Amino acid sequence: MLDGKFCSEAWDCISRYVYSALQGGSIMNGWTNDEKMMIACCNDGTRPVIFKIERIDIED
């Protein structure tokens, strides 16, 4: 993140996980010990960035 801007390529890599989490979904069911946690990686081969995305459920 530079100057308050988020890399559009990174967002392209993680957006499907974020949208799934917003809907209460779990993309990585069975891949991680916690169904609320998702791992994604930016596709930049020379400067890879790994994202850990966690869904936080708020009780009504």
N, C-alpha and C. Protein backbone atom coordinates (compact mmCIF):
# COMPACT_ATOMS: atom_id res chain seq x y z
N MET A 1 0.85 -1.17 0.00
CA MET A 1 0.00 0.00 0.00
C MET A 1 0.89 1.23 0.00
N LEU A 2 0.81 2.00 -1.06
CA LEU A 2 1.62 3.21 -1.18
C LEU A 2 0.72 4.43 -1.25
N ASP A 3 1.01 5.42 -0.45
CA ASP A 3 0.27 6.68 -0.49
C ASP A 3 -1.24 6.48 -0.38
N GLY A 4 -1.69 5.53 0.43
CA GLY A 4 -3.11 5.31 0.62
C GLY A 4 -3.79 4.57 -0.51
N LYS A 5 -3.03 4.08 -1.49
CA LYS A 5 -3.62 3.36 -2.62
C LYS A 5 -3.32 1.88 -2.48
N PHE A 6 -4.31 1.07 -2.76
CA PHE A 6 -4.14 -0.38 -2.72
C PHE A 6 -3.86 -0.87 -4.13
N CYS A 7 -2.91 -1.72 -4.30
CA CYS A 7 -2.53 -2.24 -5.62
C CYS A 7 -3.72 -2.95 -6.27
N SER A 8 -4.05 -2.55 -7.48
CA SER A 8 -5.20 -3.14 -8.16
C SER A 8 -4.98 -4.61 -8.49
N GLU A 9 -3.75 -5.01 -8.76
CA GLU A 9 -3.47 -6.43 -9.03
C GLU A 9 -3.66 -7.26 -7.77
N ALA A 10 -3.25 -6.72 -6.63
CA ALA A 10 -3.43 -7.44 -5.36
C ALA A 10 -4.92 -7.56 -5.06
N TRP A 11 -5.68 -6.48 -5.28
CA TRP A 11 -7.12 -6.54 -5.03
C TRP A 11 -7.78 -7.57 -5.94
N ASP A 12 -7.32 -7.66 -7.18
CA ASP A 12 -7.86 -8.65 -8.11
C ASP A 12 -7.64 -10.07 -7.58
N CYS A 13 -6.52 -10.30 -6.91
CA CYS A 13 -6.22 -11.64 -6.37
C CYS A 13 -7.03 -11.97 -5.13
N ILE A 14 -7.33 -10.97 -4.30
CA ILE A 14 -8.01 -11.27 -3.03
C ILE A 14 -9.49 -10.94 -3.02
N SER A 15 -9.98 -10.22 -4.00
CA SER A 15 -11.37 -9.75 -3.96
C SER A 15 -12.38 -10.89 -3.86
N ARG A 16 -12.15 -11.99 -4.55
CA ARG A 16 -13.12 -13.11 -4.48
C ARG A 16 -13.20 -13.68 -3.07
N TYR A 17 -12.08 -13.67 -2.36
CA TYR A 17 -12.09 -14.16 -0.98
C TYR A 17 -12.80 -13.17 -0.05
N VAL A 18 -12.57 -11.88 -0.28
CA VAL A 18 -13.21 -10.85 0.53
C VAL A 18 -14.72 -10.89 0.33
N TYR A 19 -15.16 -10.97 -0.92
CA TYR A 19 -16.60 -11.01 -1.19
C TYR A 19 -17.24 -12.28 -0.62
N SER A 20 -16.52 -13.39 -0.68
CA SER A 20 -17.03 -14.63 -0.09
C SER A 20 -17.16 -14.48 1.43
N ALA A 21 -16.15 -13.88 2.05
CA ALA A 21 -16.19 -13.67 3.50
C ALA A 21 -17.33 -12.74 3.89
N LEU A 22 -17.58 -11.71 3.08
CA LEU A 22 -18.68 -10.78 3.37
C LEU A 22 -20.03 -11.48 3.35
N GLN A 23 -20.14 -12.55 2.57
CA GLN A 23 -21.39 -13.30 2.49
C GLN A 23 -21.43 -14.45 3.50
N GLY A 24 -20.38 -14.56 4.32
CA GLY A 24 -20.33 -15.61 5.33
C GLY A 24 -19.79 -16.93 4.81
N GLY A 25 -19.21 -16.90 3.63
CA GLY A 25 -18.71 -18.13 3.00
C GLY A 25 -17.31 -18.52 3.45
N SER A 26 -16.91 -19.70 3.01
CA SER A 26 -15.59 -20.23 3.32
C SER A 26 -15.02 -20.88 2.06
N ILE A 27 -14.10 -20.21 1.42
CA ILE A 27 -13.48 -20.73 0.20
C ILE A 27 -12.53 -21.87 0.52
N MET A 28 -11.80 -21.78 1.63
CA MET A 28 -10.74 -22.74 1.95
C MET A 28 -11.20 -23.81 2.92
N ASN A 29 -12.45 -24.21 2.84
CA ASN A 29 -12.97 -25.24 3.73
C ASN A 29 -12.15 -26.52 3.60
N GLY A 30 -11.55 -26.95 4.70
CA GLY A 30 -10.72 -28.15 4.70
C GLY A 30 -9.24 -27.88 4.42
N TRP A 31 -8.90 -26.70 3.93
CA TRP A 31 -7.49 -26.38 3.66
C TRP A 31 -6.81 -25.77 4.86
N THR A 32 -7.60 -25.14 5.73
CA THR A 32 -7.05 -24.52 6.93
C THR A 32 -7.80 -25.07 8.14
N ASN A 33 -7.24 -24.87 9.31
CA ASN A 33 -7.88 -25.33 10.55
C ASN A 33 -9.08 -24.48 10.93
N ASP A 34 -9.17 -23.29 10.37
CA ASP A 34 -10.24 -22.36 10.71
C ASP A 34 -10.98 -21.97 9.44
N GLU A 35 -12.27 -22.28 9.36
CA GLU A 35 -13.03 -21.97 8.14
C GLU A 35 -13.20 -20.47 7.90
N LYS A 36 -12.91 -19.66 8.92
CA LYS A 36 -13.02 -18.21 8.79
C LYS A 36 -11.74 -17.58 8.22
N MET A 37 -10.70 -18.35 8.03
CA MET A 37 -9.43 -17.85 7.55
C MET A 37 -9.20 -18.27 6.10
N MET A 38 -8.72 -17.32 5.31
CA MET A 38 -8.43 -17.58 3.91
C MET A 38 -7.04 -17.04 3.60
N ILE A 39 -6.30 -17.75 2.75
CA ILE A 39 -4.96 -17.33 2.36
C ILE A 39 -4.98 -17.05 0.86
N ALA A 40 -4.43 -15.91 0.46
CA ALA A 40 -4.34 -15.56 -0.96
C ALA A 40 -2.96 -14.97 -1.21
N CYS A 41 -2.52 -15.03 -2.45
CA CYS A 41 -1.21 -14.52 -2.80
C CYS A 41 -1.32 -13.66 -4.05
N CYS A 42 -0.64 -12.54 -4.04
CA CYS A 42 -0.58 -11.67 -5.21
C CYS A 42 0.18 -12.41 -6.31
N ASN A 43 -0.20 -12.20 -7.56
CA ASN A 43 0.42 -12.94 -8.65
C ASN A 43 1.69 -12.30 -9.19
N ASP A 44 2.25 -11.33 -8.50
CA ASP A 44 3.52 -10.72 -8.90
C ASP A 44 4.66 -11.65 -8.51
N GLY A 45 5.26 -12.29 -9.48
CA GLY A 45 6.30 -13.29 -9.22
C GLY A 45 7.58 -12.73 -8.65
N THR A 46 7.89 -11.46 -8.90
CA THR A 46 9.13 -10.88 -8.39
C THR A 46 8.96 -10.22 -7.03
N ARG A 47 7.73 -9.86 -6.68
CA ARG A 47 7.45 -9.25 -5.38
C ARG A 47 6.17 -9.86 -4.80
N PRO A 48 6.20 -11.15 -4.49
CA PRO A 48 4.97 -11.79 -4.01
C PRO A 48 4.56 -11.28 -2.62
N VAL A 49 3.27 -11.15 -2.44
CA VAL A 49 2.71 -10.74 -1.16
C VAL A 49 1.65 -11.77 -0.79
N ILE A 50 1.71 -12.27 0.43
CA ILE A 50 0.74 -13.25 0.90
C ILE A 50 -0.22 -12.54 1.84
N PHE A 51 -1.52 -12.77 1.62
CA PHE A 51 -2.56 -12.15 2.42
C PHE A 51 -3.26 -13.20 3.26
N LYS A 52 -3.43 -12.91 4.53
CA LYS A 52 -4.24 -13.74 5.42
C LYS A 52 -5.53 -12.96 5.66
N ILE A 53 -6.64 -13.51 5.20
CA ILE A 53 -7.92 -12.85 5.30
C ILE A 53 -8.76 -13.61 6.31
N GLU A 54 -9.25 -12.90 7.31
CA GLU A 54 -10.06 -13.54 8.34
C GLU A 54 -11.44 -12.92 8.39
N ARG A 55 -12.46 -13.77 8.39
CA ARG A 55 -13.83 -13.32 8.51
C ARG A 55 -14.15 -13.17 10.00
N ILE A 56 -14.68 -12.02 10.38
CA ILE A 56 -15.08 -11.76 11.75
C ILE A 56 -16.60 -11.73 11.79
N ASP A 57 -17.18 -12.69 12.45
CA ASP A 57 -18.63 -12.77 12.57
C ASP A 57 -19.08 -11.94 13.77
N ILE A 58 -20.04 -11.06 13.56
CA ILE A 58 -20.56 -10.22 14.63
C ILE A 58 -21.96 -10.71 14.97
N GLU A 59 -22.16 -11.00 16.24
CA GLU A 59 -23.46 -11.45 16.72
C GLU A 59 -24.46 -10.30 16.67
N ASP A 60 -25.70 -10.60 16.30
CA ASP A 60 -26.75 -9.56 16.28
C ASP A 60 -27.23 -9.24 17.67
